Amino acid sequence: MLGTLGRLGRSVRPLVLAPSLPLLLPSTLSRKSRHDPPSKSKIWRLRTPTPVDPAEMDMLMEHYKSYKQTAQALRLEFMEEVWRKAHEKKFGGLKTVQDFEEHKQLLARNQVENARFPALRISRLQQQEQEWLGELEEMQKAQEMEAFVQEKEKEVLQLQEDGKTLLRIP
């Protein structure tokens, strides 16, 4: 092990800066950490709170509530999607087989219904045709009866006329 470390040590060269290039390091602003004490000039300073407009604060609170509700709804939707994908990954094969079997059963049921409907349609059309023919026959019988009644009325009128002339002869 020491032999490998020795070989690594020999291959790694120390970082040497070229003397012709200047050393460029970014300047950094240093800030106080939270645990540093305040400066001497600000020890007795009391901060006055920023004035707040009540109407603006109400509007901001309403917007914040709306934002929280929207963010919560999105979070729940994403969580539900993750749960659904995990469930499909775990039980997906079983569900697809069940769905396929159910689909086959529904297709068979649909074919039975499709075979049943033309027979119902034909029987309904035949029944409507029979009803129409029956109504047509009734109308013809009514017309024949009306013609018969008019003919008989004419005969009665003719007989009455003949009867009047027979009575006048003597």
N, C-alpha and C. Protein backbone atom coordinates (compact mmCIF):
# COMPACT_ATOMS: atom_id res chain seq x y z
N MET A 1 0.83 -1.19 0.00
CA MET A 1 0.00 0.00 0.00
C MET A 1 0.88 1.25 0.00
N LEU A 2 1.95 1.19 0.74
CA LEU A 2 2.83 2.34 0.78
C LEU A 2 3.49 2.56 -0.57
N GLY A 3 3.71 1.47 -1.28
CA GLY A 3 4.30 1.59 -2.61
C GLY A 3 3.37 2.34 -3.55
N THR A 4 2.05 2.05 -3.47
CA THR A 4 1.10 2.75 -4.34
C THR A 4 1.01 4.21 -3.95
N LEU A 5 1.02 4.48 -2.66
CA LEU A 5 0.96 5.88 -2.23
C LEU A 5 2.22 6.62 -2.68
N GLY A 6 3.35 5.93 -2.60
CA GLY A 6 4.59 6.55 -3.03
C GLY A 6 4.56 6.88 -4.51
N ARG A 7 3.98 5.96 -5.29
CA ARG A 7 3.90 6.22 -6.72
C ARG A 7 2.98 7.39 -7.01
N LEU A 8 1.84 7.45 -6.27
CA LEU A 8 0.93 8.58 -6.46
C LEU A 8 1.59 9.88 -6.06
N GLY A 9 2.35 9.80 -4.99
CA GLY A 9 3.01 11.00 -4.52
C GLY A 9 4.00 11.53 -5.52
N ARG A 10 4.65 10.63 -6.24
CA ARG A 10 5.63 11.07 -7.22
C ARG A 10 4.95 11.67 -8.45
N SER A 11 3.75 11.16 -8.81
CA SER A 11 3.10 11.65 -10.02
C SER A 11 2.40 12.98 -9.80
N VAL A 12 2.04 13.27 -8.58
CA VAL A 12 1.35 14.52 -8.30
C VAL A 12 2.38 15.61 -8.14
N ARG A 13 2.26 16.67 -8.90
CA ARG A 13 3.21 17.76 -8.82
C ARG A 13 2.62 18.89 -8.00
N PRO A 14 3.43 19.63 -7.28
CA PRO A 14 2.90 20.75 -6.50
C PRO A 14 2.50 21.89 -7.41
N LEU A 15 1.50 22.64 -6.96
CA LEU A 15 0.98 23.76 -7.72
C LEU A 15 1.97 24.91 -7.66
N VAL A 16 2.50 25.30 -8.81
CA VAL A 16 3.45 26.40 -8.87
C VAL A 16 2.86 27.45 -9.79
N LEU A 17 2.72 28.67 -9.27
CA LEU A 17 2.21 29.76 -10.08
C LEU A 17 3.33 30.32 -10.94
N ALA A 18 2.98 30.66 -12.14
CA ALA A 18 3.98 31.27 -13.01
C ALA A 18 4.28 32.66 -12.50
N PRO A 19 5.56 33.04 -12.39
CA PRO A 19 5.89 34.35 -11.84
C PRO A 19 5.48 35.49 -12.75
N SER A 20 5.23 35.23 -14.05
CA SER A 20 4.90 36.31 -14.96
C SER A 20 3.41 36.70 -14.85
N LEU A 21 2.52 35.78 -14.34
CA LEU A 21 1.09 36.08 -14.23
C LEU A 21 0.77 36.66 -12.87
N PRO A 22 0.02 37.75 -12.84
CA PRO A 22 -0.33 38.30 -11.53
C PRO A 22 -1.39 37.44 -10.87
N LEU A 23 -1.44 37.45 -9.58
CA LEU A 23 -2.41 36.69 -8.81
C LEU A 23 -3.72 37.46 -8.78
N LEU A 24 -4.78 36.90 -9.46
CA LEU A 24 -6.08 37.58 -9.51
C LEU A 24 -7.07 36.82 -8.65
N LEU A 25 -7.43 37.40 -7.54
CA LEU A 25 -8.45 36.81 -6.67
C LEU A 25 -9.61 37.79 -6.57
N PRO A 26 -10.81 37.29 -6.58
CA PRO A 26 -11.96 38.21 -6.48
C PRO A 26 -12.01 38.83 -5.10
N SER A 27 -12.38 40.10 -5.07
CA SER A 27 -12.50 40.76 -3.77
C SER A 27 -13.83 40.34 -3.15
N THR A 28 -13.83 40.18 -1.89
CA THR A 28 -15.05 39.74 -1.20
C THR A 28 -15.44 40.77 -0.17
N LEU A 29 -16.75 40.95 -0.05
CA LEU A 29 -17.25 41.82 1.01
C LEU A 29 -17.50 40.95 2.22
N SER A 30 -17.03 41.38 3.30
CA SER A 30 -17.27 40.59 4.50
C SER A 30 -18.47 41.18 5.22
N ARG A 31 -19.31 40.32 5.68
CA ARG A 31 -20.49 40.74 6.43
C ARG A 31 -20.38 40.21 7.83
N LYS A 32 -21.15 40.84 8.70
CA LYS A 32 -21.17 40.38 10.07
C LYS A 32 -21.93 39.08 10.17
N SER A 33 -21.48 38.20 11.00
CA SER A 33 -22.27 37.00 11.25
C SER A 33 -23.36 37.37 12.26
N ARG A 34 -24.31 36.49 12.43
CA ARG A 34 -25.41 36.84 13.34
C ARG A 34 -24.96 36.91 14.79
N HIS A 35 -23.83 36.28 15.10
CA HIS A 35 -23.41 36.24 16.50
C HIS A 35 -22.45 37.35 16.87
N ASP A 36 -22.05 38.15 15.92
CA ASP A 36 -21.18 39.28 16.23
C ASP A 36 -22.01 40.35 16.95
N PRO A 37 -21.44 41.02 17.94
CA PRO A 37 -22.18 42.07 18.65
C PRO A 37 -22.35 43.31 17.76
N PRO A 38 -23.39 44.12 18.04
CA PRO A 38 -23.57 45.34 17.24
C PRO A 38 -22.40 46.30 17.47
N SER A 39 -22.25 47.20 16.51
CA SER A 39 -21.16 48.18 16.65
C SER A 39 -21.47 49.13 17.80
N LYS A 40 -20.42 49.82 18.28
CA LYS A 40 -20.57 50.69 19.44
C LYS A 40 -21.53 51.83 19.17
N SER A 41 -21.57 52.32 17.93
CA SER A 41 -22.43 53.46 17.62
C SER A 41 -23.92 53.05 17.57
N LYS A 42 -24.22 51.75 17.48
CA LYS A 42 -25.61 51.32 17.34
C LYS A 42 -26.10 50.53 18.56
N ILE A 43 -25.38 50.56 19.64
CA ILE A 43 -25.78 49.77 20.81
C ILE A 43 -27.11 50.27 21.36
N TRP A 44 -27.29 51.59 21.49
CA TRP A 44 -28.50 52.13 22.11
C TRP A 44 -29.57 52.50 21.09
N ARG A 45 -29.36 52.16 19.85
CA ARG A 45 -30.33 52.51 18.81
C ARG A 45 -31.53 51.57 18.89
N LEU A 46 -32.71 52.14 18.89
CA LEU A 46 -33.94 51.36 18.85
C LEU A 46 -34.55 51.49 17.46
N ARG A 47 -34.81 50.39 16.85
CA ARG A 47 -35.35 50.41 15.50
C ARG A 47 -36.83 50.72 15.54
N THR A 48 -37.24 51.70 14.73
CA THR A 48 -38.67 52.00 14.63
C THR A 48 -39.25 51.13 13.52
N PRO A 49 -40.38 50.49 13.78
CA PRO A 49 -40.94 49.61 12.75
C PRO A 49 -41.38 50.38 11.52
N THR A 50 -41.32 49.73 10.39
CA THR A 50 -41.75 50.32 9.13
C THR A 50 -43.26 50.52 9.17
N PRO A 51 -43.74 51.70 8.76
CA PRO A 51 -45.19 51.91 8.79
C PRO A 51 -45.89 50.99 7.79
N VAL A 52 -47.07 50.48 8.18
CA VAL A 52 -47.81 49.52 7.36
C VAL A 52 -49.17 50.09 7.02
N ASP A 53 -49.54 50.03 5.75
CA ASP A 53 -50.86 50.45 5.30
C ASP A 53 -51.82 49.28 5.55
N PRO A 54 -52.88 49.50 6.35
CA PRO A 54 -53.78 48.37 6.67
C PRO A 54 -54.47 47.79 5.43
N ALA A 55 -54.90 48.61 4.49
CA ALA A 55 -55.57 48.11 3.29
C ALA A 55 -54.60 47.25 2.47
N GLU A 56 -53.36 47.73 2.35
CA GLU A 56 -52.37 46.96 1.60
C GLU A 56 -52.06 45.65 2.31
N MET A 57 -51.99 45.69 3.65
CA MET A 57 -51.72 44.47 4.41
C MET A 57 -52.84 43.45 4.22
N ASP A 58 -54.12 43.92 4.22
CA ASP A 58 -55.25 43.01 3.99
C ASP A 58 -55.15 42.38 2.60
N MET A 59 -54.85 43.21 1.60
CA MET A 59 -54.73 42.70 0.24
C MET A 59 -53.60 41.66 0.16
N LEU A 60 -52.46 41.98 0.78
CA LEU A 60 -51.33 41.05 0.76
C LEU A 60 -51.67 39.74 1.47
N MET A 61 -52.41 39.83 2.58
CA MET A 61 -52.79 38.61 3.30
C MET A 61 -53.73 37.76 2.45
N GLU A 62 -54.66 38.39 1.73
CA GLU A 62 -55.56 37.64 0.84
C GLU A 62 -54.77 36.95 -0.26
N HIS A 63 -53.83 37.69 -0.86
CA HIS A 63 -53.00 37.09 -1.91
C HIS A 63 -52.18 35.93 -1.35
N TYR A 64 -51.67 36.11 -0.13
CA TYR A 64 -50.86 35.05 0.48
C TYR A 64 -51.71 33.81 0.74
N LYS A 65 -52.94 34.00 1.23
CA LYS A 65 -53.84 32.85 1.46
C LYS A 65 -54.13 32.13 0.14
N SER A 66 -54.40 32.92 -0.90
CA SER A 66 -54.66 32.33 -2.21
C SER A 66 -53.45 31.55 -2.71
N TYR A 67 -52.28 32.12 -2.53
CA TYR A 67 -51.05 31.45 -2.94
C TYR A 67 -50.86 30.15 -2.17
N LYS A 68 -51.10 30.19 -0.86
CA LYS A 68 -50.93 28.98 -0.05
C LYS A 68 -51.90 27.89 -0.49
N GLN A 69 -53.15 28.27 -0.79
CA GLN A 69 -54.13 27.28 -1.24
C GLN A 69 -53.72 26.67 -2.57
N THR A 70 -53.28 27.51 -3.49
CA THR A 70 -52.86 27.01 -4.80
C THR A 70 -51.65 26.10 -4.67
N ALA A 71 -50.67 26.54 -3.87
CA ALA A 71 -49.46 25.74 -3.69
C ALA A 71 -49.81 24.40 -3.04
N GLN A 72 -50.71 24.41 -2.06
CA GLN A 72 -51.11 23.17 -1.38
C GLN A 72 -51.83 22.24 -2.36
N ALA A 73 -52.71 22.81 -3.20
CA ALA A 73 -53.42 21.99 -4.19
C ALA A 73 -52.44 21.36 -5.17
N LEU A 74 -51.47 22.15 -5.64
CA LEU A 74 -50.47 21.61 -6.57
C LEU A 74 -49.64 20.53 -5.89
N ARG A 75 -49.26 20.77 -4.64
CA ARG A 75 -48.46 19.80 -3.91
C ARG A 75 -49.22 18.48 -3.76
N LEU A 76 -50.52 18.57 -3.41
CA LEU A 76 -51.33 17.36 -3.26
C LEU A 76 -51.50 16.65 -4.60
N GLU A 77 -51.68 17.42 -5.66
CA GLU A 77 -51.84 16.80 -6.98
C GLU A 77 -50.57 16.06 -7.39
N PHE A 78 -49.41 16.68 -7.16
CA PHE A 78 -48.15 16.02 -7.50
C PHE A 78 -47.94 14.77 -6.63
N MET A 79 -48.28 14.88 -5.34
CA MET A 79 -48.13 13.72 -4.46
C MET A 79 -49.04 12.59 -4.91
N GLU A 80 -50.27 12.93 -5.32
CA GLU A 80 -51.19 11.92 -5.79
C GLU A 80 -50.66 11.25 -7.06
N GLU A 81 -50.07 12.04 -7.94
CA GLU A 81 -49.49 11.47 -9.16
C GLU A 81 -48.35 10.52 -8.82
N VAL A 82 -47.52 10.90 -7.87
CA VAL A 82 -46.40 10.03 -7.46
C VAL A 82 -46.96 8.74 -6.86
N TRP A 83 -47.98 8.86 -5.99
CA TRP A 83 -48.58 7.67 -5.37
C TRP A 83 -49.21 6.77 -6.44
N ARG A 84 -49.92 7.40 -7.41
CA ARG A 84 -50.56 6.62 -8.46
C ARG A 84 -49.53 5.88 -9.29
N LYS A 85 -48.42 6.56 -9.63
CA LYS A 85 -47.37 5.90 -10.42
C LYS A 85 -46.75 4.76 -9.64
N ALA A 86 -46.53 4.97 -8.34
CA ALA A 86 -45.97 3.89 -7.52
C ALA A 86 -46.94 2.72 -7.46
N HIS A 87 -48.23 3.01 -7.32
CA HIS A 87 -49.24 1.95 -7.27
C HIS A 87 -49.30 1.21 -8.60
N GLU A 88 -49.26 1.95 -9.71
CA GLU A 88 -49.28 1.31 -11.02
C GLU A 88 -48.03 0.46 -11.23
N LYS A 89 -46.91 0.95 -10.72
CA LYS A 89 -45.68 0.18 -10.86
C LYS A 89 -45.78 -1.11 -10.05
N LYS A 90 -46.41 -1.02 -8.88
CA LYS A 90 -46.51 -2.18 -8.01
C LYS A 90 -47.59 -3.15 -8.48
N PHE A 91 -48.79 -2.61 -8.82
CA PHE A 91 -49.93 -3.45 -9.17
C PHE A 91 -50.38 -3.26 -10.61
N GLY A 92 -49.58 -2.63 -11.44
CA GLY A 92 -49.99 -2.28 -12.80
C GLY A 92 -50.33 -3.48 -13.65
N GLY A 93 -49.53 -4.53 -13.58
CA GLY A 93 -49.76 -5.70 -14.41
C GLY A 93 -51.10 -6.34 -14.12
N LEU A 94 -51.46 -6.45 -12.87
CA LEU A 94 -52.73 -7.06 -12.47
C LEU A 94 -53.89 -6.22 -12.96
N LYS A 95 -53.79 -4.91 -12.82
CA LYS A 95 -54.88 -4.03 -13.22
C LYS A 95 -55.08 -4.09 -14.74
N THR A 96 -54.00 -4.12 -15.50
CA THR A 96 -54.16 -4.15 -16.95
C THR A 96 -54.80 -5.45 -17.40
N VAL A 97 -54.47 -6.56 -16.75
CA VAL A 97 -55.10 -7.84 -17.10
C VAL A 97 -56.58 -7.79 -16.78
N GLN A 98 -56.92 -7.25 -15.60
CA GLN A 98 -58.33 -7.13 -15.23
C GLN A 98 -59.07 -6.21 -16.20
N ASP A 99 -58.45 -5.10 -16.56
CA ASP A 99 -59.07 -4.18 -17.50
C ASP A 99 -59.28 -4.85 -18.86
N PHE A 100 -58.30 -5.63 -19.30
CA PHE A 100 -58.41 -6.31 -20.59
C PHE A 100 -59.55 -7.33 -20.56
N GLU A 101 -59.66 -8.09 -19.48
CA GLU A 101 -60.74 -9.08 -19.35
C GLU A 101 -62.11 -8.37 -19.32
N GLU A 102 -62.19 -7.29 -18.57
CA GLU A 102 -63.44 -6.55 -18.49
C GLU A 102 -63.81 -5.98 -19.87
N HIS A 103 -62.80 -5.50 -20.59
CA HIS A 103 -63.03 -4.96 -21.93
C HIS A 103 -63.57 -6.05 -22.86
N LYS A 104 -62.99 -7.25 -22.79
CA LYS A 104 -63.47 -8.36 -23.62
C LYS A 104 -64.92 -8.71 -23.28
N GLN A 105 -65.26 -8.73 -21.99
CA GLN A 105 -66.64 -9.03 -21.57
C GLN A 105 -67.60 -7.97 -22.08
N LEU A 106 -67.20 -6.72 -21.98
CA LEU A 106 -68.07 -5.64 -22.44
C LEU A 106 -68.26 -5.68 -23.95
N LEU A 107 -67.21 -6.04 -24.69
CA LEU A 107 -67.33 -6.16 -26.14
C LEU A 107 -68.30 -7.29 -26.51
N ALA A 108 -68.22 -8.42 -25.81
CA ALA A 108 -69.13 -9.53 -26.08
C ALA A 108 -70.57 -9.11 -25.78
N ARG A 109 -70.76 -8.40 -24.68
CA ARG A 109 -72.10 -7.91 -24.32
C ARG A 109 -72.63 -6.96 -25.38
N ASN A 110 -71.76 -6.11 -25.89
CA ASN A 110 -72.13 -5.15 -26.92
C ASN A 110 -72.55 -5.87 -28.20
N GLN A 111 -71.83 -6.92 -28.56
CA GLN A 111 -72.18 -7.67 -29.76
C GLN A 111 -73.54 -8.35 -29.61
N VAL A 112 -73.84 -8.87 -28.42
CA VAL A 112 -75.15 -9.48 -28.17
C VAL A 112 -76.26 -8.44 -28.32
N GLU A 113 -76.02 -7.26 -27.75
CA GLU A 113 -77.02 -6.20 -27.86
C GLU A 113 -77.18 -5.75 -29.31
N ASN A 114 -76.08 -5.64 -30.03
CA ASN A 114 -76.16 -5.24 -31.44
C ASN A 114 -76.89 -6.28 -32.27
N ALA A 115 -76.78 -7.56 -31.92
CA ALA A 115 -77.50 -8.61 -32.65
C ALA A 115 -78.99 -8.58 -32.30
N ARG A 116 -79.31 -8.13 -31.08
CA ARG A 116 -80.71 -8.13 -30.63
C ARG A 116 -81.48 -6.96 -31.24
N PHE A 117 -80.85 -5.84 -31.44
CA PHE A 117 -81.57 -4.65 -31.90
C PHE A 117 -82.16 -4.75 -33.30
N PRO A 118 -81.50 -5.33 -34.29
CA PRO A 118 -82.15 -5.43 -35.60
C PRO A 118 -83.44 -6.24 -35.56
N ALA A 119 -83.46 -7.31 -34.77
CA ALA A 119 -84.69 -8.10 -34.65
C ALA A 119 -85.81 -7.25 -34.03
N LEU A 120 -85.47 -6.49 -33.02
CA LEU A 120 -86.48 -5.61 -32.40
C LEU A 120 -86.96 -4.55 -33.40
N ARG A 121 -86.03 -4.01 -34.16
CA ARG A 121 -86.38 -2.99 -35.14
C ARG A 121 -87.32 -3.56 -36.20
N ILE A 122 -87.00 -4.77 -36.70
CA ILE A 122 -87.84 -5.39 -37.73
C ILE A 122 -89.23 -5.68 -37.19
N SER A 123 -89.31 -6.20 -35.96
CA SER A 123 -90.63 -6.49 -35.39
C SER A 123 -91.42 -5.19 -35.18
N ARG A 124 -90.75 -4.13 -34.74
CA ARG A 124 -91.43 -2.84 -34.55
C ARG A 124 -91.94 -2.29 -35.88
N LEU A 125 -91.13 -2.40 -36.94
CA LEU A 125 -91.55 -1.91 -38.26
C LEU A 125 -92.72 -2.73 -38.79
N GLN A 126 -92.69 -4.04 -38.57
CA GLN A 126 -93.81 -4.88 -39.01
C GLN A 126 -95.08 -4.51 -38.27
N GLN A 127 -94.95 -4.27 -36.97
CA GLN A 127 -96.12 -3.89 -36.18
C GLN A 127 -96.68 -2.55 -36.66
N GLN A 128 -95.79 -1.58 -36.94
CA GLN A 128 -96.25 -0.29 -37.44
C GLN A 128 -96.92 -0.44 -38.80
N GLU A 129 -96.39 -1.32 -39.65
CA GLU A 129 -96.99 -1.54 -40.96
C GLU A 129 -98.37 -2.17 -40.82
N GLN A 130 -98.50 -3.12 -39.89
CA GLN A 130 -99.81 -3.75 -39.67
C GLN A 130 -100.81 -2.73 -39.14
N GLU A 131 -100.36 -1.88 -38.21
CA GLU A 131 -101.26 -0.84 -37.69
C GLU A 131 -101.68 0.10 -38.82
N TRP A 132 -100.74 0.48 -39.68
CA TRP A 132 -101.05 1.38 -40.78
C TRP A 132 -102.03 0.72 -41.76
N LEU A 133 -101.81 -0.57 -42.06
CA LEU A 133 -102.74 -1.28 -42.94
C LEU A 133 -104.11 -1.40 -42.30
N GLY A 134 -104.16 -1.63 -40.99
CA GLY A 134 -105.44 -1.71 -40.29
C GLY A 134 -106.18 -0.38 -40.36
N GLU A 135 -105.45 0.71 -40.14
CA GLU A 135 -106.09 2.04 -40.23
C GLU A 135 -106.58 2.30 -41.64
N LEU A 136 -105.80 1.89 -42.64
CA LEU A 136 -106.19 2.07 -44.03
C LEU A 136 -107.46 1.27 -44.35
N GLU A 137 -107.53 0.02 -43.87
CA GLU A 137 -108.73 -0.79 -44.08
C GLU A 137 -109.94 -0.16 -43.39
N GLU A 138 -109.75 0.35 -42.18
CA GLU A 138 -110.85 0.99 -41.47
C GLU A 138 -111.34 2.22 -42.23
N MET A 139 -110.38 2.99 -42.78
CA MET A 139 -110.78 4.17 -43.56
C MET A 139 -111.56 3.75 -44.81
N GLN A 140 -111.11 2.67 -45.49
CA GLN A 140 -111.82 2.19 -46.67
C GLN A 140 -113.22 1.70 -46.30
N LYS A 141 -113.33 0.97 -45.18
CA LYS A 141 -114.65 0.48 -44.74
C LYS A 141 -115.55 1.65 -44.40
N ALA A 142 -114.98 2.67 -43.75
CA ALA A 142 -115.78 3.84 -43.40
C ALA A 142 -116.25 4.54 -44.67
N GLN A 143 -115.38 4.67 -45.67
CA GLN A 143 -115.79 5.29 -46.93
C GLN A 143 -116.85 4.45 -47.64
N GLU A 144 -116.66 3.13 -47.65
CA GLU A 144 -117.66 2.26 -48.27
C GLU A 144 -119.00 2.37 -47.54
N MET A 145 -118.93 2.41 -46.20
CA MET A 145 -120.16 2.52 -45.42
C MET A 145 -120.83 3.86 -45.69
N GLU A 146 -120.06 4.90 -45.78
CA GLU A 146 -120.62 6.22 -46.07
C GLU A 146 -121.26 6.24 -47.46
N ALA A 147 -120.57 5.63 -48.43
CA ALA A 147 -121.14 5.55 -49.78
C ALA A 147 -122.43 4.71 -49.76
N PHE A 148 -122.43 3.61 -49.01
CA PHE A 148 -123.61 2.77 -48.90
C PHE A 148 -124.77 3.53 -48.27
N VAL A 149 -124.47 4.30 -47.21
CA VAL A 149 -125.51 5.08 -46.52
C VAL A 149 -126.06 6.14 -47.47
N GLN A 150 -125.21 6.82 -48.21
CA GLN A 150 -125.68 7.84 -49.15
C GLN A 150 -126.55 7.20 -50.25
N GLU A 151 -126.14 6.01 -50.71
CA GLU A 151 -126.93 5.32 -51.73
C GLU A 151 -128.30 4.93 -51.18
N LYS A 152 -128.32 4.43 -49.96
CA LYS A 152 -129.60 4.05 -49.35
C LYS A 152 -130.46 5.28 -49.12
N GLU A 153 -129.85 6.43 -48.73
CA GLU A 153 -130.63 7.65 -48.55
C GLU A 153 -131.25 8.08 -49.88
N LYS A 154 -130.45 7.93 -50.96
CA LYS A 154 -131.00 8.26 -52.28
C LYS A 154 -132.18 7.34 -52.63
N GLU A 155 -132.03 6.04 -52.32
CA GLU A 155 -133.14 5.10 -52.59
C GLU A 155 -134.37 5.46 -51.78
N VAL A 156 -134.14 5.82 -50.52
CA VAL A 156 -135.27 6.20 -49.67
C VAL A 156 -135.94 7.44 -50.23
N LEU A 157 -135.18 8.41 -50.63
CA LEU A 157 -135.74 9.63 -51.21
C LEU A 157 -136.49 9.30 -52.51
N GLN A 158 -135.91 8.41 -53.31
CA GLN A 158 -136.57 8.01 -54.56
C GLN A 158 -137.89 7.29 -54.28
N LEU A 159 -137.87 6.42 -53.26
CA LEU A 159 -139.10 5.71 -52.91
C LEU A 159 -140.14 6.67 -52.36
N GLN A 160 -139.68 7.65 -51.60
CA GLN A 160 -140.64 8.65 -51.09
C GLN A 160 -141.25 9.42 -52.25
N GLU A 161 -140.41 9.76 -53.22
CA GLU A 161 -140.92 10.48 -54.40
C GLU A 161 -141.95 9.60 -55.15
N ASP A 162 -141.58 8.34 -55.31
CA ASP A 162 -142.49 7.43 -56.01
C ASP A 162 -143.78 7.24 -55.21
N GLY A 163 -143.65 7.21 -53.91
CA GLY A 163 -144.82 7.04 -53.06
C GLY A 163 -145.74 8.24 -53.15
N LYS A 164 -145.23 9.41 -53.33
CA LYS A 164 -146.05 10.61 -53.44
C LYS A 164 -146.84 10.59 -54.75
N THR A 165 -146.16 10.17 -55.79
CA THR A 165 -146.85 10.16 -57.07
C THR A 165 -147.89 9.05 -57.11
N LEU A 166 -147.69 7.94 -56.44
CA LEU A 166 -148.68 6.86 -56.41
C LEU A 166 -149.93 7.28 -55.66
N LEU A 167 -149.79 8.03 -54.66
CA LEU A 167 -150.95 8.47 -53.87
C LEU A 167 -151.79 9.49 -54.64
N ARG A 168 -151.28 10.20 -55.54
CA ARG A 168 -152.02 11.24 -56.26
C ARG A 168 -152.83 10.67 -57.46
N ILE A 169 -152.61 9.58 -57.90
CA ILE A 169 -153.25 9.02 -59.10
C ILE A 169 -154.77 8.80 -58.89
N PRO A 170 -155.31 8.38 -57.93
CA PRO A 170 -156.74 8.04 -57.93
C PRO A 170 -157.64 9.19 -58.18
